[in-house]
C-alpha atoms as a PDB file:
ATOM      1  CA  MET A   1     111.005 108.833  83.812  1.00  0.00           C
ATOM      2  CA  VAL A   2     112.787 109.893  86.985  1.00  0.00           C
ATOM      3  CA  VAL A   3     111.701 112.689  89.307  1.00  0.00           C
ATOM      4  CA  ARG A   4     114.109 112.732  92.219  1.00  0.00           C
ATOM      5  CA  ASN A   5     115.949 114.887  94.764  1.00  0.00           C
ATOM      6  CA  ASN A   6     113.772 117.979  94.811  1.00  0.00           C
ATOM      7  CA  ALA A   7     112.968 119.277  98.283  1.00  0.00           C
ATOM      8  CA  SER A   8     110.472 121.899  97.090  1.00  0.00           C
ATOM      9  CA  LEU A   9     108.431 119.892  94.566  1.00  0.00           C
ATOM     10  CA  ALA A  10     104.997 119.649  96.199  1.00  0.00           C
ATOM     11  CA  ASP A  11     102.932 118.392  93.259  1.00  0.00           C
ATOM     12  CA  LEU A  12     103.285 116.706  89.904  1.00  0.00           C
ATOM     13  CA  SER A  13     100.923 118.964  87.953  1.00  0.00           C
ATOM     14  CA  GLY A  14     103.399 119.246  85.087  1.00  0.00           C
ATOM     15  CA  LEU A  15     102.892 115.526  84.435  1.00  0.00           C
ATOM     16  CA  SER A  16      99.100 115.578  84.416  1.00  0.00           C
ATOM     17  CA  GLY A  17      98.715 114.586  80.750  1.00  0.00           C
ATOM     18  CA  ILE A  18     100.782 111.419  80.940  1.00  0.00           C
ATOM     19  CA  THR A  19      98.962 108.149  80.285  1.00  0.00           C
ATOM     20  CA  SER A  20     101.918 105.778  79.979  1.00  0.00           C
ATOM     21  CA  VAL A  21     105.571 105.468  80.903  1.00  0.00           C
ATOM     22  CA  GLY A  22     107.674 103.213  78.701  1.00  0.00           C
ATOM     23  CA  THR A  23     109.885 101.419  81.186  1.00  0.00           C
ATOM     24  CA  TRP A  24     110.531 103.089  84.516  1.00  0.00           C
ATOM     25  CA  LEU A  25     108.734 105.570  86.772  1.00  0.00           C
ATOM     26  CA  GLU A  26     110.651 106.748  89.812  1.00  0.00           C
ATOM     27  CA  LEU A  27     109.417 109.336  92.289  1.00  0.00           C
ATOM     28  CA  GLY A  28     112.045 109.558  94.995  1.00  0.00           C
ATOM     29  CA  GLN A  29     113.422 111.837  97.646  1.00  0.00           C
ATOM     30  CA  LEU A  30     110.635 114.372  97.221  1.00  0.00           C
ATOM     31  CA  PRO A  31     109.955 115.381 100.843  1.00  0.00           C
ATOM     32  CA  ALA A  32     107.211 117.933  99.993  1.00  0.00           C
ATOM     33  CA  LEU A  33     105.183 115.585  97.747  1.00  0.00           C
ATOM     34  CA  THR A  34     101.928 114.526  99.424  1.00  0.00           C
ATOM     35  CA  THR A  35      99.983 113.015  96.522  1.00  0.00           C
ATOM     36  CA  PRO A  36     100.476 111.611  93.031  1.00  0.00           C
ATOM     37  CA  ASP A  37      97.002 112.878  91.995  1.00  0.00           C
ATOM     38  CA  ALA A  38      98.371 114.621  88.896  1.00  0.00           C
ATOM     39  CA  LEU A  39      99.114 111.133  87.550  1.00  0.00           C
ATOM     40  CA  SER A  40      95.433 110.171  87.640  1.00  0.00           C
ATOM     41  CA  GLY A  41      95.462 109.512  83.873  1.00  0.00           C
ATOM     42  CA  LEU A  42      98.408 107.117  84.082  1.00  0.00           C
ATOM     43  CA  ILE A  43      97.345 103.595  83.133  1.00  0.00           C
ATOM     44  CA  SER A  44     100.587 101.939  82.035  1.00  0.00           C
ATOM     45  CA  ILE A  45     104.134 101.624  83.358  1.00  0.00           C
ATOM     46  CA  GLY A  46     106.455  99.299  81.459  1.00  0.00           C
ATOM     47  CA  THR A  47     108.467  97.351  84.014  1.00  0.00           C
ATOM     48  CA  THR A  48     109.285  99.342  87.153  1.00  0.00           C
ATOM     49  CA  LEU A  49     107.536 101.639  89.611  1.00  0.00           C
ATOM     50  CA  SER A  50     109.672 103.118  92.369  1.00  0.00           C
ATOM     51  CA  LEU A  51     108.160 105.349  95.063  1.00  0.00           C
ATOM     52  CA  GLN A  52     110.802 105.738  97.754  1.00  0.00           C
ATOM     53  CA  TYR A  53     111.910 108.237 100.390  1.00  0.00           C
ATOM     54  CA  ASN A  54     108.986 110.624 100.026  1.00  0.00           C
ATOM     55  CA  SER A  55     108.419 111.516 103.666  1.00  0.00           C
ATOM     56  CA  GLN A  56     104.992 113.180 103.150  1.00  0.00           C
ATOM     57  CA  LEU A  57     103.588 110.720 100.597  1.00  0.00           C
ATOM     58  CA  PRO A  58     101.352 108.177 102.375  1.00  0.00           C
ATOM     59  CA  ASP A  59     101.713 104.565 101.298  1.00  0.00           C
ATOM     60  CA  CYS A  60      97.953 104.422 100.656  1.00  0.00           C
ATOM     61  CA  ARG A  61      98.494 106.921  97.818  1.00  0.00           C
ATOM     62  CA  ALA A  62     100.979 104.490  96.266  1.00  0.00           C
ATOM     63  CA  CYS A  63      98.280 101.820  96.448  1.00  0.00           C
ATOM     64  CA  GLN A  64      95.835 104.112  94.675  1.00  0.00           C
ATOM     65  CA  LEU A  65      98.357 104.741  91.918  1.00  0.00           C
ATOM     66  CA  LEU A  66      98.914 101.008  91.496  1.00  0.00           C
ATOM     67  CA  GLY A  67      95.172 100.442  91.430  1.00  0.00           C
ATOM     68  CA  GLN A  68      94.613 102.644  88.391  1.00  0.00           C
ATOM     69  CA  LEU A  69      97.109 100.770  86.202  1.00  0.00           C
ATOM     70  CA  THR A  70      95.722  98.333  83.640  1.00  0.00           C
ATOM     71  CA  ALA A  71      98.623  95.936  84.372  1.00  0.00           C
ATOM     72  CA  GLN A  72     101.040  95.840  87.276  1.00  0.00           C
ATOM     73  CA  PRO A  73     104.712  96.570  86.572  1.00  0.00           C
ATOM     74  CA  THR A  74     107.065  93.635  87.098  1.00  0.00           C
ATOM     75  CA  ASN A  75     109.122  95.515  89.692  1.00  0.00           C
ATOM     76  CA  ILE A  76     107.438  97.569  92.406  1.00  0.00           C
ATOM     77  CA  TYR A  77     109.469  99.381  95.033  1.00  0.00           C
ATOM     78  CA  VAL A  78     107.452 101.326  97.606  1.00  0.00           C
ATOM     79  CA  THR A  79     109.481 102.030 100.732  1.00  0.00           C
ATOM     80  CA  ASN A  80     110.349 104.739 103.232  1.00  0.00           C
ATOM     81  CA  ASN A  81     107.353 106.949 102.543  1.00  0.00           C
ATOM     82  CA  LEU A  82     104.841 108.206 105.114  1.00  0.00           C
ATOM     83  CA  ALA A  83     103.632 105.171 107.063  1.00  0.00           C
ATOM     84  CA  ASP A  84      99.882 104.613 107.267  1.00  0.00           C
ATOM     85  CA  SER A  85      97.346 101.774 107.296  1.00  0.00           C
ATOM     86  CA  ARG A  86      98.810 100.341 104.045  1.00  0.00           C
ATOM     87  CA  THR A  87     102.375 100.109 105.389  1.00  0.00           C
ATOM     88  CA  PRO A  88     104.119  98.028 104.282  1.00  0.00           C
ATOM     89  CA  VAL A  89     102.520  98.144 100.863  1.00  0.00           C
ATOM     90  CA  PRO A  90     101.411  94.581 100.113  1.00  0.00           C
ATOM     91  CA  ALA A  91     102.076  92.837  96.844  1.00  0.00           C
ATOM     92  CA  SER A  92      98.299  92.624  96.359  1.00  0.00           C
ATOM     93  CA  CYS A  93      97.886  96.389  96.694  1.00  0.00           C
ATOM     94  CA  PRO A  94      95.411  98.061  96.284  1.00  0.00           C
END
């Protein structure tokens, strides 16, 4: 699932019922997105999580998203988001 290149998308409420993503979850180039809270029921991502170029999304929120998964995806790309105390996001995140 790819959600990308939307300057006005401020939340992911339309995805609130999702519990798993088969292979790939990408949230990228969403400058108004501040939180992935609508994905609080997500517990499984197949192989890849990409959270990149979301200028208002703190890296600590990426760590929280990773922390709720029952298994870590093989590929994790978290870069160029809003820098905070978790920047850069460590491999051992959360």
